[in-house]
Protein backbone atom coordinates (compact mmCIF):
# COMPACT_ATOMS: atom_id res chain seq x y z
CA MET A 1 83.11 113.40 99.69
CA VAL A 2 79.67 111.94 99.05
CA PHE A 3 77.37 110.59 101.77
CA ASP A 4 73.86 109.40 102.50
CA ALA A 5 71.73 112.53 102.90
CA ASN A 6 69.45 110.71 105.37
CA LEU A 7 72.14 110.23 107.99
CA ALA A 8 71.41 111.60 111.46
CA GLU A 9 74.95 113.05 111.52
CA ALA A 10 76.99 114.12 108.52
CA PRO A 11 80.38 112.38 108.24
CA THR A 12 83.56 114.43 108.41
CA ARG A 13 86.95 113.68 106.87
CA ASP A 14 88.04 112.23 110.24
CA TRP A 15 85.65 109.35 109.66
CA PHE A 16 88.03 108.00 107.02
CA ASP A 17 90.98 107.86 109.43
CA PRO A 18 91.22 104.56 111.40
CA ALA A 19 93.62 106.19 113.89
CA TRP A 20 90.96 108.80 114.70
CA TRP A 21 88.46 106.09 115.62
CA GLN A 22 91.08 104.08 117.50
CA SER A 23 92.03 107.11 119.61
CA ARG A 24 88.38 107.30 120.68
CA GLU A 25 88.18 103.57 121.36
CA ARG A 26 85.49 103.21 118.72
CA MET A 27 87.28 100.90 116.34
CA ARG A 28 86.24 97.31 116.93
CA ALA A 29 88.92 95.68 114.83
CA GLY A 30 90.97 95.98 111.69
CA GLY A 31 90.89 93.41 108.93
CA GLY A 32 93.10 92.31 106.12
CA GLY A 33 92.31 91.59 102.53
CA ARG A 34 93.34 93.54 99.48
CA GLY A 35 91.31 96.57 100.56
CA GLY A 36 92.05 96.42 104.27
CA VAL A 37 89.04 97.20 106.47
CA ALA A 38 88.28 98.65 109.88
CA PHE A 39 85.10 97.94 111.85
CA LEU A 40 83.79 101.08 113.53
CA ASP A 41 81.22 102.19 116.08
CA THR A 42 80.03 105.43 114.48
CA PRO A 43 77.34 107.93 115.52
CA VAL A 44 75.11 106.39 112.83
CA GLY A 45 75.70 102.79 113.93
CA PRO A 46 78.23 100.01 113.24
CA CYS A 47 80.09 100.58 109.98
CA VAL A 48 82.96 99.22 107.91
CA LEU A 49 85.68 101.50 106.53
CA ARG A 50 87.54 100.20 103.49
CA HIS A 51 90.61 101.77 101.94
CA TYR A 52 91.03 100.75 98.32
CA ARG A 53 94.26 98.99 97.40
CA ARG A 54 95.34 97.40 94.17
CA GLY A 55 95.74 93.67 93.72
CA GLY A 56 97.73 91.64 91.23
CA TRP A 57 100.88 92.72 89.46
CA MET A 58 100.05 96.44 89.81
CA ALA A 59 100.08 96.32 93.60
CA PRO A 60 103.87 96.69 94.05
CA LEU A 61 103.92 99.58 91.58
CA LEU A 62 100.96 101.71 92.66
CA GLY A 63 99.73 100.27 95.98
CA ASP A 64 96.67 102.32 96.86
CA ARG A 65 96.97 104.85 94.00
CA TYR A 66 94.68 105.00 90.98
CA VAL A 67 94.91 107.12 87.85
CA TRP A 68 92.50 110.05 88.00
CA ASN A 69 89.70 109.81 85.42
CA GLY A 70 87.13 112.09 87.01
CA ARG A 71 85.07 112.24 90.17
CA ASN A 72 82.28 109.92 89.10
CA ARG A 73 84.74 107.24 87.96
CA SER A 74 86.71 107.23 91.22
CA ARG A 75 86.50 103.81 92.88
CA GLY A 76 84.75 104.85 96.09
CA PHE A 77 82.18 107.10 94.40
CA ALA A 78 81.36 104.52 91.73
CA GLU A 79 80.80 101.78 94.31
CA PHE A 80 78.78 104.13 96.55
CA VAL A 81 76.39 104.91 93.69
CA LEU A 82 76.07 101.26 92.68
CA LEU A 83 75.42 100.08 96.24
CA ALA A 84 72.82 102.80 96.80
CA GLU A 85 70.97 101.67 93.67
CA LEU A 86 71.13 97.97 94.58
CA ALA A 87 69.97 98.69 98.14
CA ARG A 88 67.09 100.75 96.72
CA ARG A 89 66.08 97.69 94.68
CA GLY A 90 66.03 95.58 97.83
CA LEU A 91 69.07 93.46 96.98
CA PRO A 92 71.12 92.13 99.93
CA VAL A 93 74.15 94.45 99.84
CA PRO A 94 75.82 96.69 102.44
CA VAL A 95 74.15 100.10 102.61
CA PRO A 96 76.64 102.85 101.67
CA VAL A 97 77.25 105.60 104.22
CA ALA A 98 80.01 107.76 102.74
CA ALA A 99 82.83 107.75 100.20
CA ARG A 100 85.72 110.04 99.35
CA TYR A 101 88.75 110.46 97.16
CA LEU A 102 91.98 112.39 97.70
CA ARG A 103 93.77 113.62 94.59
CA ARG A 104 97.54 113.68 94.45
CA GLY A 105 98.68 114.91 91.05
CA PRO A 106 97.57 112.46 88.34
CA TYR A 107 96.58 109.89 90.98
CA TYR A 108 94.04 109.56 93.76
CA THR A 109 93.30 107.34 96.75
CA ALA A 110 89.80 106.24 97.76
CA ASP A 111 87.80 105.11 100.77
CA LEU A 112 84.28 103.80 101.35
CA ILE A 113 82.18 103.47 104.50
CA THR A 114 79.23 101.05 104.55
CA ARG A 115 76.93 99.80 107.25
CA THR A 116 78.04 96.59 108.92
CA ILE A 117 76.21 93.34 108.24
CA GLU A 118 76.03 92.14 111.81
CA ASP A 119 76.76 88.59 113.03
CA ALA A 120 77.94 87.47 109.61
CA GLN A 121 80.60 85.02 108.47
CA THR A 122 82.22 84.85 105.09
CA LEU A 123 81.62 81.74 103.04
CA THR A 124 85.37 81.15 103.38
CA GLU A 125 84.96 80.93 107.16
CA ILE A 126 82.00 78.58 106.75
CA ILE A 127 84.12 76.33 104.53
CA ALA A 128 87.03 76.38 106.99
CA ALA A 129 84.63 75.28 109.73
CA ARG A 130 83.42 72.43 107.48
CA GLN A 131 79.85 73.73 107.55
CA PHE A 132 79.38 74.24 103.81
CA ASP A 133 76.87 71.67 102.59
CA ALA A 134 74.50 71.10 99.69
CA LYS A 135 71.67 73.05 101.34
CA LEU A 136 73.81 76.15 101.79
CA ALA A 137 75.27 75.71 98.30
CA GLU A 138 71.76 75.83 96.86
CA ARG A 139 71.09 79.06 98.74
CA VAL A 140 74.33 80.53 97.38
CA GLY A 141 73.22 79.65 93.86
CA ALA A 142 69.88 81.34 94.43
CA LEU A 143 71.68 84.44 95.75
CA VAL A 144 73.86 84.71 92.66
CA ALA A 145 70.83 84.21 90.42
CA ARG A 146 69.00 87.01 92.17
CA PHE A 147 71.76 89.45 91.23
CA HIS A 148 72.08 88.09 87.71
CA VAL A 149 68.35 88.46 87.12
CA ALA A 150 68.79 92.11 88.10
CA GLY A 151 71.67 92.42 85.62
CA VAL A 152 74.32 92.86 88.30
CA ASP A 153 77.83 91.86 87.29
CA HIS A 154 79.98 91.32 90.40
CA ALA A 155 83.56 91.76 89.24
CA ASP A 156 85.05 89.63 92.04
CA LEU A 157 82.53 86.95 92.96
CA ASN A 158 84.35 84.72 95.44
CA ALA A 159 83.92 82.97 98.77
CA HIS A 160 85.31 85.97 100.67
CA ASN A 161 82.61 88.27 99.31
CA ILE A 162 79.60 86.13 100.20
CA LEU A 163 78.38 86.63 103.77
CA VAL A 164 76.16 84.25 105.71
CA ALA A 165 74.16 85.94 108.46
CA GLY A 166 71.17 85.05 110.59
CA ASP A 167 68.83 86.95 108.27
CA GLY A 168 70.16 85.53 105.02
CA LEU A 169 73.00 85.72 102.52
CA TRP A 170 74.66 88.92 101.33
CA LEU A 171 77.10 90.02 98.65
CA ILE A 172 79.81 92.56 99.45
CA ASP A 173 82.69 94.35 97.67
CA PHE A 174 81.21 95.72 94.46
CA ASP A 175 84.38 97.52 93.37
CA ARG A 176 84.31 97.56 89.53
CA GLY A 177 80.83 96.02 89.56
CA GLU A 178 78.17 97.24 87.17
CA VAL A 179 74.60 96.76 86.01
CA ARG A 180 74.38 95.25 82.53
CA VAL A 181 71.38 95.19 80.24
CA THR A 182 72.35 92.35 77.91
CA GLY A 183 74.76 89.48 77.49
CA THR A 184 75.45 86.16 79.18
CA ALA A 185 79.24 85.81 79.02
CA TRP A 186 79.67 87.92 82.14
CA LYS A 187 77.31 85.62 84.08
CA LEU A 188 79.35 82.56 83.10
CA ALA A 189 82.53 84.42 84.07
CA ASN A 190 81.07 85.23 87.50
CA LEU A 191 80.19 81.60 88.09
CA ALA A 192 83.58 80.35 86.88
CA ARG A 193 85.33 82.78 89.23
CA LEU A 194 83.20 81.59 92.14
CA LYS A 195 83.98 77.95 91.41
CA ARG A 196 87.72 78.63 91.28
CA SER A 197 87.44 80.44 94.59
CA LEU A 198 85.61 77.54 96.26
CA LEU A 199 88.38 75.18 95.19
CA LYS A 200 91.08 77.61 96.29
CA VAL A 201 89.71 78.04 99.81
CA GLY A 202 89.38 74.29 100.28
CA ALA A 203 85.75 73.39 99.62
CA CYS A 204 85.63 69.59 99.28
CA GLU A 205 89.36 69.63 100.14
CA GLY A 206 90.11 71.10 96.72
CA ASP A 207 88.84 67.96 94.95
CA GLU A 208 87.11 69.29 91.83
CA ALA A 209 85.23 66.07 91.09
CA MET A 210 83.87 66.00 94.63
CA LEU A 211 83.03 69.71 94.45
CA ASP A 212 81.09 69.17 91.21
CA ARG A 213 79.09 66.38 92.77
CA GLU A 214 78.45 67.62 96.32
CA ILE A 215 78.50 71.42 96.06
CA TRP A 216 78.43 72.72 92.50
CA ALA A 217 75.47 70.61 91.35
CA PRO A 218 73.16 71.87 94.14
CA LEU A 219 74.56 75.39 93.74
CA MET A 220 73.61 75.41 90.07
CA ARG A 221 70.22 73.90 90.93
CA GLY A 222 69.56 76.87 93.21
CA TYR A 223 70.89 79.21 90.53
CA GLU A 224 68.58 77.83 87.85
CA ARG A 225 65.57 77.93 90.16
CA GLY A 226 66.44 81.51 91.08
CA PHE A 227 65.73 82.66 87.56
CA GLY A 228 62.10 81.73 88.06
CA SER A 229 61.63 84.04 91.07
CA GLY A 230 62.64 87.40 89.56
CA PRO A 231 65.03 89.99 91.01
């Protein structure tokens, strides 16, 4: 296990067990998604517990198991370290609280606890409520630019991983993310993935021409302007 040394109370292995929190009536809710999440009221404040699960064609074969390649390359530890660094830089990401892995032969499972971003909605929810407009799109573009200026490659940039809260926009789920020093292809890939996601979740009713005109153009305007403001 690895955890934030500044915590008022050190986490125990029970913290990674949703049933343990539920038995104490301190689990707000459970969520879906590939990782599956639980929202907790912990002694250090509201947190989110995520259990890593595979997506894609590997999911039926391995589920939540990953091939062991060393402690520092385990999914939870790697994301914990990345989030801690991004938070230190002042980027809008969830602050990591604790992470762990459990080895089982050549495989392991992983979990991560982060602080909750309160009163937030995913961009997917905003789109479903028909509240995604050009102004918000421009802010999303500026958010992505801020991370790209800092060299941050988000491996799964999509509408589910962008949060809109009262105090701004946030990026979550940095599994397989990394900080890059050079290159531009990864930035274009991030943007292409985001655009596909917006269409998939129904932005502009899935009409790509309308999306280009009403959402993507202002989003890219915010993105381009973001490169003038630094990380």
